[in-house]
All heavy atoms as atom14 arrays in JSON, in Angstrom:
{
  "sequence": "SRSRDGNTMIVENVGPRDPGSYWLVKDGQMAKLGSTNP",
  "atom14_mask": [
    [1, 1, 1, 1, 1, 1, 0, 0, 0, 0, 0, 0, 0, 0],
    [1, 1, 1, 1, 1, 1, 1, 1, 1, 1, 1, 0, 0, 0],
    [1, 1, 1, 1, 1, 1, 0, 0, 0, 0, 0, 0, 0, 0],
    [1, 1, 1, 1, 1, 1, 1, 1, 1, 1, 1, 0, 0, 0],
    [1, 1, 1, 1, 1, 1, 1, 1, 0, 0, 0, 0, 0, 0],
    [1, 1, 1, 1, 0, 0, 0, 0, 0, 0, 0, 0, 0, 0],
    [1, 1, 1, 1, 1, 1, 1, 1, 0, 0, 0, 0, 0, 0],
    [1, 1, 1, 1, 1, 1, 1, 0, 0, 0, 0, 0, 0, 0],
    [1, 1, 1, 1, 1, 1, 1, 1, 0, 0, 0, 0, 0, 0],
    [1, 1, 1, 1, 1, 1, 1, 1, 0, 0, 0, 0, 0, 0],
    [1, 1, 1, 1, 1, 1, 1, 0, 0, 0, 0, 0, 0, 0],
    [1, 1, 1, 1, 1, 1, 1, 1, 1, 0, 0, 0, 0, 0],
    [1, 1, 1, 1, 1, 1, 1, 1, 0, 0, 0, 0, 0, 0],
    [1, 1, 1, 1, 1, 1, 1, 0, 0, 0, 0, 0, 0, 0],
    [1, 1, 1, 1, 0, 0, 0, 0, 0, 0, 0, 0, 0, 0],
    [1, 1, 1, 1, 1, 1, 1, 0, 0, 0, 0, 0, 0, 0],
    [1, 1, 1, 1, 1, 1, 1, 1, 1, 1, 1, 0, 0, 0],
    [1, 1, 1, 1, 1, 1, 1, 1, 0, 0, 0, 0, 0, 0],
    [1, 1, 1, 1, 1, 1, 1, 0, 0, 0, 0, 0, 0, 0],
    [1, 1, 1, 1, 0, 0, 0, 0, 0, 0, 0, 0, 0, 0],
    [1, 1, 1, 1, 1, 1, 0, 0, 0, 0, 0, 0, 0, 0],
    [1, 1, 1, 1, 1, 1, 1, 1, 1, 1, 1, 1, 0, 0],
    [1, 1, 1, 1, 1, 1, 1, 1, 1, 1, 1, 1, 1, 1],
    [1, 1, 1, 1, 1, 1, 1, 1, 0, 0, 0, 0, 0, 0],
    [1, 1, 1, 1, 1, 1, 1, 0, 0, 0, 0, 0, 0, 0],
    [1, 1, 1, 1, 1, 1, 1, 1, 1, 0, 0, 0, 0, 0],
    [1, 1, 1, 1, 1, 1, 1, 1, 0, 0, 0, 0, 0, 0],
    [1, 1, 1, 1, 0, 0, 0, 0, 0, 0, 0, 0, 0, 0],
    [1, 1, 1, 1, 1, 1, 1, 1, 1, 0, 0, 0, 0, 0],
    [1, 1, 1, 1, 1, 1, 1, 1, 0, 0, 0, 0, 0, 0],
    [1, 1, 1, 1, 1, 0, 0, 0, 0, 0, 0, 0, 0, 0],
    [1, 1, 1, 1, 1, 1, 1, 1, 1, 0, 0, 0, 0, 0],
    [1, 1, 1, 1, 1, 1, 1, 1, 0, 0, 0, 0, 0, 0],
    [1, 1, 1, 1, 0, 0, 0, 0, 0, 0, 0, 0, 0, 0],
    [1, 1, 1, 1, 1, 1, 0, 0, 0, 0, 0, 0, 0, 0],
    [1, 1, 1, 1, 1, 1, 1, 0, 0, 0, 0, 0, 0, 0],
    [1, 1, 1, 1, 1, 1, 1, 1, 0, 0, 0, 0, 0, 0],
    [1, 1, 1, 1, 1, 1, 1, 0, 0, 0, 0, 0, 0, 0]
  ],
  "atom14_positions": [
    [[0.82, -1.2, 0.02], [-0.01, -0.05, -0.01], [0.86, 1.3, 0.02], [2.06, 1.16, 0.44], [-0.93, -0.02, 1.2], [-0.17, -0.07, 2.44], [0.0, 0.0, 0.0], [0.0, 0.0, 0.0], [0.0, 0.0, 0.0], [0.0, 0.0, 0.0], [0.0, 0.0, 0.0], [0.0, 0.0, 0.0], [0.0, 0.0, 0.0], [0.0, 0.0, 0.0]],
    [[0.37, 2.35, -0.55], [1.15, 3.62, -0.65], [0.16, 4.72, -0.61], [-0.99, 4.63, -1.09], [1.91, 3.61, -1.88], [2.97, 4.66, -1.97], [3.85, 4.51, -3.23], [4.89, 5.56, -3.31], [5.82, 5.74, -4.27], [5.69, 4.88, -5.33], [6.65, 6.72, -4.24], [0.0, 0.0, 0.0], [0.0, 0.0, 0.0], [0.0, 0.0, 0.0]],
    [[0.58, 5.84, 0.04], [-0.25, 7.08, 0.11], [-0.37, 7.73, -1.23], [0.48, 7.54, -2.11], [0.27, 8.01, 1.12], [1.68, 8.45, 0.76], [0.0, 0.0, 0.0], [0.0, 0.0, 0.0], [0.0, 0.0, 0.0], [0.0, 0.0, 0.0], [0.0, 0.0, 0.0], [0.0, 0.0, 0.0], [0.0, 0.0, 0.0], [0.0, 0.0, 0.0]],
    [[-1.4, 8.53, -1.39], [-1.61, 9.23, -2.67], [-0.44, 10.07, -3.04], [-0.15, 10.24, -4.22], [-2.89, 10.04, -2.58], [-4.12, 9.23, -2.69], [-5.37, 10.16, -2.79], [-5.59, 10.91, -1.58], [-6.27, 10.64, -0.57], [-6.94, 9.46, -0.55], [-6.41, 11.42, 0.5], [0.0, 0.0, 0.0], [0.0, 0.0, 0.0], [0.0, 0.0, 0.0]],
    [[0.21, 10.7, -2.04], [1.36, 11.61, -2.43], [2.6, 10.85, -2.6], [3.63, 11.47, -3.0], [1.5, 12.62, -1.31], [1.85, 12.08, 0.09], [2.16, 10.92, 0.14], [1.81, 12.89, 1.05], [0.0, 0.0, 0.0], [0.0, 0.0, 0.0], [0.0, 0.0, 0.0], [0.0, 0.0, 0.0], [0.0, 0.0, 0.0], [0.0, 0.0, 0.0]],
    [[2.64, 9.5, -2.4], [3.76, 8.73, -2.68], [4.84, 8.69, -1.54], [5.8, 7.95, -1.64], [0.0, 0.0, 0.0], [0.0, 0.0, 0.0], [0.0, 0.0, 0.0], [0.0, 0.0, 0.0], [0.0, 0.0, 0.0], [0.0, 0.0, 0.0], [0.0, 0.0, 0.0], [0.0, 0.0, 0.0], [0.0, 0.0, 0.0], [0.0, 0.0, 0.0]],
    [[4.65, 9.49, -0.44], [5.7, 9.66, 0.55], [5.67, 8.61, 1.6], [6.61, 8.49, 2.39], [5.48, 11.06, 1.23], [5.85, 12.2, 0.17], [6.64, 12.0, -0.69], [5.16, 13.32, 0.39], [0.0, 0.0, 0.0], [0.0, 0.0, 0.0], [0.0, 0.0, 0.0], [0.0, 0.0, 0.0], [0.0, 0.0, 0.0], [0.0, 0.0, 0.0]],
    [[4.55, 7.83, 1.73], [4.45, 6.8, 2.76], [4.04, 5.53, 2.06], [3.09, 5.48, 1.29], [3.44, 7.25, 3.81], [3.77, 8.5, 4.35], [3.43, 6.2, 4.98], [0.0, 0.0, 0.0], [0.0, 0.0, 0.0], [0.0, 0.0, 0.0], [0.0, 0.0, 0.0], [0.0, 0.0, 0.0], [0.0, 0.0, 0.0], [0.0, 0.0, 0.0]],
    [[4.66, 4.44, 2.47], [4.36, 3.1, 1.91], [4.61, 1.98, 2.86], [5.47, 2.13, 3.78], [5.09, 2.87, 0.56], [6.59, 2.68, 0.7], [7.45, 2.54, -0.86], [7.6, 4.29, -1.35], [0.0, 0.0, 0.0], [0.0, 0.0, 0.0], [0.0, 0.0, 0.0], [0.0, 0.0, 0.0], [0.0, 0.0, 0.0], [0.0, 0.0, 0.0]],
    [[3.96, 0.89, 2.69], [4.17, -0.34, 3.37], [4.82, -1.32, 2.41], [4.27, -1.6, 1.36], [2.93, -0.97, 3.98], [2.35, 0.05, 5.02], [3.25, -2.27, 4.7], [3.22, 0.37, 6.22], [0.0, 0.0, 0.0], [0.0, 0.0, 0.0], [0.0, 0.0, 0.0], [0.0, 0.0, 0.0], [0.0, 0.0, 0.0], [0.0, 0.0, 0.0]],
    [[6.0, -1.84, 2.77], [6.66, -2.78, 1.93], [6.75, -4.16, 2.59], [6.98, -4.21, 3.82], [8.11, -2.35, 1.64], [8.84, -3.32, 0.71], [8.11, -0.9, 1.01], [0.0, 0.0, 0.0], [0.0, 0.0, 0.0], [0.0, 0.0, 0.0], [0.0, 0.0, 0.0], [0.0, 0.0, 0.0], [0.0, 0.0, 0.0], [0.0, 0.0, 0.0]],
    [[6.44, -5.21, 1.87], [6.53, -6.57, 2.37], [7.63, -7.33, 1.66], [7.79, -7.24, 0.45], [5.16, -7.32, 2.15], [5.24, -8.72, 2.73], [4.0, -9.54, 2.33], [3.26, -9.17, 1.36], [3.77, -10.61, 2.91], [0.0, 0.0, 0.0], [0.0, 0.0, 0.0], [0.0, 0.0, 0.0], [0.0, 0.0, 0.0], [0.0, 0.0, 0.0]],
    [[8.42, -8.06, 2.47], [9.41, -8.96, 1.91], [9.11, -10.39, 2.3], [8.7, -10.61, 3.42], [10.83, -8.62, 2.4], [11.89, -9.57, 1.89], [12.03, -9.7, 0.63], [12.59, -10.23, 2.77], [0.0, 0.0, 0.0], [0.0, 0.0, 0.0], [0.0, 0.0, 0.0], [0.0, 0.0, 0.0], [0.0, 0.0, 0.0], [0.0, 0.0, 0.0]],
    [[9.27, -11.32, 1.42], [9.04, -12.72, 1.72], [10.12, -13.54, 0.88], [10.37, -13.22, -0.22], [7.62, -13.17, 1.43], [7.24, -13.03, -0.01], [7.4, -14.64, 1.93], [0.0, 0.0, 0.0], [0.0, 0.0, 0.0], [0.0, 0.0, 0.0], [0.0, 0.0, 0.0], [0.0, 0.0, 0.0], [0.0, 0.0, 0.0], [0.0, 0.0, 0.0]],
    [[10.64, -14.56, 1.54], [11.66, -15.37, 0.9], [12.09, -16.46, 1.77], [11.59, -16.67, 2.91], [0.0, 0.0, 0.0], [0.0, 0.0, 0.0], [0.0, 0.0, 0.0], [0.0, 0.0, 0.0], [0.0, 0.0, 0.0], [0.0, 0.0, 0.0], [0.0, 0.0, 0.0], [0.0, 0.0, 0.0], [0.0, 0.0, 0.0], [0.0, 0.0, 0.0]],
    [[13.06, -17.31, 1.38], [13.46, -18.51, 2.12], [13.92, -18.15, 3.5], [13.73, -18.92, 4.42], [14.6, -19.06, 1.25], [14.32, -18.58, -0.16], [13.73, -17.29, 0.04], [0.0, 0.0, 0.0], [0.0, 0.0, 0.0], [0.0, 0.0, 0.0], [0.0, 0.0, 0.0], [0.0, 0.0, 0.0], [0.0, 0.0, 0.0], [0.0, 0.0, 0.0]],
    [[14.57, -17.0, 3.69], [15.02, -16.65, 5.1], [14.19, -15.53, 5.73], [14.61, -14.93, 6.69], [16.5, -16.19, 4.98], [17.37, -17.39, 4.54], [18.89, -17.01, 4.58], [19.69, -18.16, 4.19], [20.35, -18.97, 5.07], [20.06, -18.77, 6.38], [21.07, -19.96, 4.72], [0.0, 0.0, 0.0], [0.0, 0.0, 0.0], [0.0, 0.0, 0.0]],
    [[13.04, -15.29, 5.14], [12.12, -14.24, 5.71], [10.67, -14.74, 5.46], [10.24, -14.6, 4.34], [12.35, -12.88, 5.09], [11.53, -11.84, 5.72], [10.6, -12.12, 6.48], [11.73, -10.6, 5.43], [0.0, 0.0, 0.0], [0.0, 0.0, 0.0], [0.0, 0.0, 0.0], [0.0, 0.0, 0.0], [0.0, 0.0, 0.0], [0.0, 0.0, 0.0]],
    [[10.0, -15.22, 6.47], [8.61, -15.77, 6.21], [7.62, -14.67, 5.87], [6.52, -14.94, 5.38], [8.24, -16.41, 7.59], [9.13, -15.74, 8.57], [10.38, -15.39, 7.84], [0.0, 0.0, 0.0], [0.0, 0.0, 0.0], [0.0, 0.0, 0.0], [0.0, 0.0, 0.0], [0.0, 0.0, 0.0], [0.0, 0.0, 0.0], [0.0, 0.0, 0.0]],
    [[8.03, -13.4, 6.06], [7.21, -12.24, 5.74], [7.48, -11.19, 6.67], [7.13, -11.23, 7.92], [0.0, 0.0, 0.0], [0.0, 0.0, 0.0], [0.0, 0.0, 0.0], [0.0, 0.0, 0.0], [0.0, 0.0, 0.0], [0.0, 0.0, 0.0], [0.0, 0.0, 0.0], [0.0, 0.0, 0.0], [0.0, 0.0, 0.0], [0.0, 0.0, 0.0]],
    [[8.06, -10.06, 6.22], [8.32, -8.94, 7.11], [7.68, -7.67, 6.51], [7.54, -7.56, 5.27], [9.78, -8.71, 7.33], [10.48, -8.53, 6.07], [0.0, 0.0, 0.0], [0.0, 0.0, 0.0], [0.0, 0.0, 0.0], [0.0, 0.0, 0.0], [0.0, 0.0, 0.0], [0.0, 0.0, 0.0], [0.0, 0.0, 0.0], [0.0, 0.0, 0.0]],
    [[7.27, -6.73, 7.38], [6.59, -5.52, 6.93], [7.42, -4.32, 7.35], [7.84, -4.24, 8.53], [5.17, -5.46, 7.56], [4.29, -6.56, 7.13], [4.17, -7.75, 7.8], [3.5, -6.42, 5.96], [3.35, -8.77, 7.36], [2.68, -7.43, 5.49], [2.62, -8.58, 6.21], [1.81, -9.61, 5.73], [0.0, 0.0, 0.0], [0.0, 0.0, 0.0]],
    [[7.54, -3.41, 6.42], [8.46, -2.23, 6.59], [7.67, -0.96, 6.24], [6.97, -0.9, 5.24], [9.64, -2.34, 5.68], [10.45, -3.54, 5.95], [10.22, -4.83, 5.59], [11.68, -3.62, 6.7], [11.18, -5.71, 6.05], [12.16, -4.97, 6.75], [12.46, -2.6, 7.33], [13.28, -5.32, 7.36], [13.66, -3.05, 8.0], [14.01, -4.38, 7.93]],
    [[7.79, 0.03, 7.11], [7.3, 1.37, 6.88], [8.3, 2.25, 6.26], [9.41, 2.36, 6.8], [6.73, 1.99, 8.17], [6.31, 3.47, 8.09], [5.09, 3.67, 7.14], [6.04, 4.03, 9.43], [0.0, 0.0, 0.0], [0.0, 0.0, 0.0], [0.0, 0.0, 0.0], [0.0, 0.0, 0.0], [0.0, 0.0, 0.0], [0.0, 0.0, 0.0]],
    [[8.03, 2.81, 5.09], [8.87, 3.83, 4.47], [8.1, 5.15, 4.5], [7.03, 5.24, 3.9], [9.23, 3.44, 2.98], [10.15, 4.5, 2.41], [10.02, 2.12, 3.05], [0.0, 0.0, 0.0], [0.0, 0.0, 0.0], [0.0, 0.0, 0.0], [0.0, 0.0, 0.0], [0.0, 0.0, 0.0], [0.0, 0.0, 0.0], [0.0, 0.0, 0.0]],
    [[8.65, 6.11, 5.17], [7.93, 7.45, 5.34], [8.97, 8.55, 5.24], [9.93, 8.56, 6.02], [7.16, 7.51, 6.58], [6.41, 8.78, 6.91], [5.65, 8.7, 8.15], [5.09, 10.06, 8.57], [4.17, 10.6, 7.52], [0.0, 0.0, 0.0], [0.0, 0.0, 0.0], [0.0, 0.0, 0.0], [0.0, 0.0, 0.0], [0.0, 0.0, 0.0]],
    [[8.79, 9.4, 4.27], [9.63, 10.61, 4.14], [11.14, 10.22, 4.1], [11.95, 10.86, 4.78], [9.32, 11.57, 5.26], [7.9, 12.08, 5.25], [7.34, 12.21, 4.14], [7.34, 12.34, 6.33], [0.0, 0.0, 0.0], [0.0, 0.0, 0.0], [0.0, 0.0, 0.0], [0.0, 0.0, 0.0], [0.0, 0.0, 0.0], [0.0, 0.0, 0.0]],
    [[11.43, 9.18, 3.33], [12.81, 8.8, 3.22], [13.44, 7.92, 4.34], [14.58, 7.6, 4.23], [0.0, 0.0, 0.0], [0.0, 0.0, 0.0], [0.0, 0.0, 0.0], [0.0, 0.0, 0.0], [0.0, 0.0, 0.0], [0.0, 0.0, 0.0], [0.0, 0.0, 0.0], [0.0, 0.0, 0.0], [0.0, 0.0, 0.0], [0.0, 0.0, 0.0]],
    [[12.62, 7.66, 5.38], [13.07, 6.75, 6.43], [12.36, 5.43, 6.37], [11.23, 5.3, 5.98], [12.86, 7.47, 7.82], [13.67, 8.71, 7.98], [13.48, 9.34, 9.37], [12.42, 9.18, 9.99], [14.52, 9.97, 9.84], [0.0, 0.0, 0.0], [0.0, 0.0, 0.0], [0.0, 0.0, 0.0], [0.0, 0.0, 0.0], [0.0, 0.0, 0.0]],
    [[13.06, 4.41, 6.86], [12.5, 3.01, 6.78], [12.62, 2.4, 8.09], [13.71, 2.42, 8.79], [13.17, 2.26, 5.73], [12.68, 0.82, 5.57], [13.31, 0.01, 4.01], [15.03, -0.2, 4.5], [0.0, 0.0, 0.0], [0.0, 0.0, 0.0], [0.0, 0.0, 0.0], [0.0, 0.0, 0.0], [0.0, 0.0, 0.0], [0.0, 0.0, 0.0]],
    [[11.63, 1.62, 8.5], [11.64, 0.9, 9.83], [10.83, -0.39, 9.68], [9.76, -0.4, 9.0], [11.11, 1.76, 10.93], [0.0, 0.0, 0.0], [0.0, 0.0, 0.0], [0.0, 0.0, 0.0], [0.0, 0.0, 0.0], [0.0, 0.0, 0.0], [0.0, 0.0, 0.0], [0.0, 0.0, 0.0], [0.0, 0.0, 0.0], [0.0, 0.0, 0.0]],
    [[11.29, -1.42, 10.38], [10.61, -2.66, 10.41], [9.45, -2.6, 11.37], [9.62, -2.22, 12.52], [11.56, -3.82, 10.76], [10.87, -5.19, 10.66], [11.89, -6.32, 10.92], [11.24, -7.64, 10.79], [12.22, -8.78, 11.04], [0.0, 0.0, 0.0], [0.0, 0.0, 0.0], [0.0, 0.0, 0.0], [0.0, 0.0, 0.0], [0.0, 0.0, 0.0]],
    [[8.23, -3.03, 10.93], [7.1, -2.99, 11.77], [6.79, -4.33, 12.43], [6.2, -4.39, 13.5], [5.87, -2.58, 10.94], [5.86, -1.13, 10.38], [4.74, -0.95, 9.44], [5.93, -0.18, 11.46], [0.0, 0.0, 0.0], [0.0, 0.0, 0.0], [0.0, 0.0, 0.0], [0.0, 0.0, 0.0], [0.0, 0.0, 0.0], [0.0, 0.0, 0.0]],
    [[7.06, -5.42, 11.75], [6.77, -6.71, 12.35], [6.99, -7.85, 11.36], [7.44, -7.58, 10.18], [0.0, 0.0, 0.0], [0.0, 0.0, 0.0], [0.0, 0.0, 0.0], [0.0, 0.0, 0.0], [0.0, 0.0, 0.0], [0.0, 0.0, 0.0], [0.0, 0.0, 0.0], [0.0, 0.0, 0.0], [0.0, 0.0, 0.0], [0.0, 0.0, 0.0]],
    [[6.66, -9.03, 11.8], [7.01, -10.26, 10.92], [5.83, -11.22, 11.08], [5.15, -11.31, 12.08], [8.31, -10.87, 11.43], [8.53, -12.08, 10.74], [0.0, 0.0, 0.0], [0.0, 0.0, 0.0], [0.0, 0.0, 0.0], [0.0, 0.0, 0.0], [0.0, 0.0, 0.0], [0.0, 0.0, 0.0], [0.0, 0.0, 0.0], [0.0, 0.0, 0.0]],
    [[5.71, -12.03, 10.07], [4.73, -13.14, 10.12], [5.13, -14.15, 11.18], [4.23, -14.62, 11.82], [4.75, -13.86, 8.71], [4.28, -12.95, 7.7], [3.84, -15.03, 8.7], [0.0, 0.0, 0.0], [0.0, 0.0, 0.0], [0.0, 0.0, 0.0], [0.0, 0.0, 0.0], [0.0, 0.0, 0.0], [0.0, 0.0, 0.0], [0.0, 0.0, 0.0]],
    [[6.38, -14.33, 11.36], [6.85, -15.19, 12.5], [8.17, -14.64, 13.01], [9.24, -14.94, 12.6], [7.02, -16.66, 12.02], [7.23, -17.63, 13.19], [7.72, -17.2, 14.23], [6.83, -18.86, 13.02], [0.0, 0.0, 0.0], [0.0, 0.0, 0.0], [0.0, 0.0, 0.0], [0.0, 0.0, 0.0], [0.0, 0.0, 0.0], [0.0, 0.0, 0.0]],
    [[8.01, -13.75, 13.98], [9.28, -13.08, 14.57], [10.16, -13.98, 15.31], [11.29, -13.57, 15.67], [8.66, -11.96, 15.43], [7.3, -12.47, 15.89], [6.83, -13.27, 14.66], [0.0, 0.0, 0.0], [0.0, 0.0, 0.0], [0.0, 0.0, 0.0], [0.0, 0.0, 0.0], [0.0, 0.0, 0.0], [0.0, 0.0, 0.0], [0.0, 0.0, 0.0]]
  ]
}
């Protein structure tokens, strides 16, 4: 998902060494929010 102005988005990664992680990107900064299995 991403905001209309493009400045905020949620990014998901999934792969063999990541069951699913969620990242917030906002105004050029990025932080991990959580995981499918932390």
